[in-house]
Amino acid sequence: GGLEAMAEAGTPFEEAIHNGRPIVMEFYRPSCEQCREMSRALYPLEQRAQGEGVNWVMLNTDDPRWAPVWQYYGVDELPHFDF
């Protein structure tokens, strides 16, 4: 699993903020080399967390609809995680 697999498997943001389960938000950019490298190790963790009822939300900072979210959380470098 890589970055694309993680993004595909992630919990949609709107679902995560309304379902009452804990949330891990990962802010990333497809062109971010560190994000791509870390995804190899994080994908199994994402799968395990979701299996235990944790929302793992992947937010692509290149997508303008997430700008208010990453600005709210003060994302200034990638990858960035918030809990």
C-alpha atoms as a PDB file:
ATOM      1  CA  GLY A   1       0.000   0.000   0.000  1.00  0.00           C
ATOM      2  CA  GLY A   2       1.166   3.466  -0.872  1.00  0.00           C
ATOM      3  CA  LEU A   3      -0.178   6.976  -0.631  1.00  0.00           C
ATOM      4  CA  GLU A   4      -2.916   6.385  -3.215  1.00  0.00           C
ATOM      5  CA  ALA A   5      -4.055   3.225  -1.409  1.00  0.00           C
ATOM      6  CA  MET A   6      -4.165   5.098   1.893  1.00  0.00           C
ATOM      7  CA  ALA A   7      -6.191   7.937   0.395  1.00  0.00           C
ATOM      8  CA  GLU A   8      -8.608   5.452  -1.175  1.00  0.00           C
ATOM      9  CA  ALA A   9      -9.013   3.490   2.077  1.00  0.00           C
ATOM     10  CA  GLY A  10      -9.354   6.555   4.304  1.00  0.00           C
ATOM     11  CA  THR A  11     -12.580   7.564   6.006  1.00  0.00           C
ATOM     12  CA  PRO A  12     -14.287  10.479   4.209  1.00  0.00           C
ATOM     13  CA  PHE A  13     -13.944  13.717   6.200  1.00  0.00           C
ATOM     14  CA  GLU A  14     -17.683  14.426   6.425  1.00  0.00           C
ATOM     15  CA  GLU A  15     -18.362  10.919   7.717  1.00  0.00           C
ATOM     16  CA  ALA A  16     -15.533  11.094  10.254  1.00  0.00           C
ATOM     17  CA  ILE A  17     -16.633  14.356  11.854  1.00  0.00           C
ATOM     18  CA  HIS A  18     -20.162  13.055  12.396  1.00  0.00           C
ATOM     19  CA  ASN A  19     -19.769   9.411  13.456  1.00  0.00           C
ATOM     20  CA  GLY A  20     -18.406  10.009  16.975  1.00  0.00           C
ATOM     21  CA  ARG A  21     -15.304   7.824  16.584  1.00  0.00           C
ATOM     22  CA  PRO A  22     -11.723   9.029  17.214  1.00  0.00           C
ATOM     23  CA  ILE A  23     -10.059  10.695  14.235  1.00  0.00           C
ATOM     24  CA  VAL A  24      -6.522  10.704  12.858  1.00  0.00           C
ATOM     25  CA  MET A  25      -6.140  13.325  10.132  1.00  0.00           C
ATOM     26  CA  GLU A  26      -3.207  13.051   7.802  1.00  0.00           C
ATOM     27  CA  PHE A  27      -2.509  16.055   5.615  1.00  0.00           C
ATOM     28  CA  TYR A  28      -0.480  15.192   2.536  1.00  0.00           C
ATOM     29  CA  ARG A  29       0.327  16.163  -1.039  1.00  0.00           C
ATOM     30  CA  PRO A  30       0.781  13.564  -3.789  1.00  0.00           C
ATOM     31  CA  SER A  31       4.059  15.202  -4.859  1.00  0.00           C
ATOM     32  CA  CYS A  32       5.477  15.125  -1.300  1.00  0.00           C
ATOM     33  CA  GLU A  33       8.297  12.582  -1.276  1.00  0.00           C
ATOM     34  CA  GLN A  34       8.274  12.233   2.531  1.00  0.00           C
ATOM     35  CA  CYS A  35       4.533  11.564   2.408  1.00  0.00           C
ATOM     36  CA  ARG A  36       5.068   8.839  -0.193  1.00  0.00           C
ATOM     37  CA  GLU A  37       7.914   7.258   1.789  1.00  0.00           C
ATOM     38  CA  MET A  38       6.008   7.261   5.078  1.00  0.00           C
ATOM     39  CA  SER A  39       2.885   5.794   3.490  1.00  0.00           C
ATOM     40  CA  ARG A  40       4.599   2.434   3.061  1.00  0.00           C
ATOM     41  CA  ALA A  41       4.933   2.102   6.822  1.00  0.00           C
ATOM     42  CA  LEU A  42       1.689   3.863   7.723  1.00  0.00           C
ATOM     43  CA  TYR A  43      -0.686   1.926   5.465  1.00  0.00           C
ATOM     44  CA  PRO A  44      -0.775  -1.149   7.760  1.00  0.00           C
ATOM     45  CA  LEU A  45      -1.288   1.163  10.748  1.00  0.00           C
ATOM     46  CA  GLU A  46      -4.187   2.873   8.975  1.00  0.00           C
ATOM     47  CA  GLN A  47      -5.778  -0.511   8.273  1.00  0.00           C
ATOM     48  CA  ARG A  48      -5.366  -1.628  11.887  1.00  0.00           C
ATOM     49  CA  ALA A  49      -6.691   1.662  13.293  1.00  0.00           C
ATOM     50  CA  GLN A  50      -9.767   1.523  11.087  1.00  0.00           C
ATOM     51  CA  GLY A  51     -10.337  -2.085  12.127  1.00  0.00           C
ATOM     52  CA  GLU A  52     -10.361  -0.857  15.734  1.00  0.00           C
ATOM     53  CA  GLY A  53     -12.922   1.876  15.049  1.00  0.00           C
ATOM     54  CA  VAL A  54     -10.633   4.852  14.407  1.00  0.00           C
ATOM     55  CA  ASN A  55     -11.331   7.185  11.485  1.00  0.00           C
ATOM     56  CA  TRP A  56      -8.172   7.734   9.419  1.00  0.00           C
ATOM     57  CA  VAL A  57      -8.837  10.753   7.236  1.00  0.00           C
ATOM     58  CA  MET A  58      -6.500  11.628   4.376  1.00  0.00           C
ATOM     59  CA  LEU A  59      -6.651  15.282   3.298  1.00  0.00           C
ATOM     60  CA  ASN A  60      -4.792  16.281   0.141  1.00  0.00           C
ATOM     61  CA  THR A  61      -3.572  19.857   0.604  1.00  0.00           C
ATOM     62  CA  ASP A  62      -3.609  20.355  -3.187  1.00  0.00           C
ATOM     63  CA  ASP A  63      -7.410  20.069  -3.054  1.00  0.00           C
ATOM     64  CA  PRO A  64      -8.811  23.591  -2.479  1.00  0.00           C
ATOM     65  CA  ARG A  65     -11.870  22.306  -0.594  1.00  0.00           C
ATOM     66  CA  TRP A  66      -9.586  21.290   2.308  1.00  0.00           C
ATOM     67  CA  ALA A  67      -7.833  24.690   2.572  1.00  0.00           C
ATOM     68  CA  PRO A  68     -10.021  25.877   5.491  1.00  0.00           C
ATOM     69  CA  VAL A  69      -9.284  22.637   7.366  1.00  0.00           C
ATOM     70  CA  TRP A  70      -5.501  22.672   6.950  1.00  0.00           C
ATOM     71  CA  GLN A  71      -5.396  26.392   7.693  1.00  0.00           C
ATOM     72  CA  TYR A  72      -7.432  25.825  10.886  1.00  0.00           C
ATOM     73  CA  TYR A  73      -4.938  23.172  12.042  1.00  0.00           C
ATOM     74  CA  GLY A  74      -1.926  25.317  11.140  1.00  0.00           C
ATOM     75  CA  VAL A  75      -0.463  22.869   8.634  1.00  0.00           C
ATOM     76  CA  ASP A  76       2.803  24.375   7.458  1.00  0.00           C
ATOM     77  CA  GLU A  77       4.783  21.305   6.429  1.00  0.00           C
ATOM     78  CA  LEU A  78       3.962  17.850   5.166  1.00  0.00           C
ATOM     79  CA  PRO A  79       3.162  15.286   6.150  1.00  0.00           C
ATOM     80  CA  HIS A  80       1.197  16.636   9.094  1.00  0.00           C
ATOM     81  CA  PHE A  81      -0.923  14.660  11.533  1.00  0.00           C
ATOM     82  CA  ASP A  82      -3.664  15.820  13.864  1.00  0.00           C
ATOM     83  CA  PHE A  83      -5.661  13.764  16.365  1.00  0.00           C
END
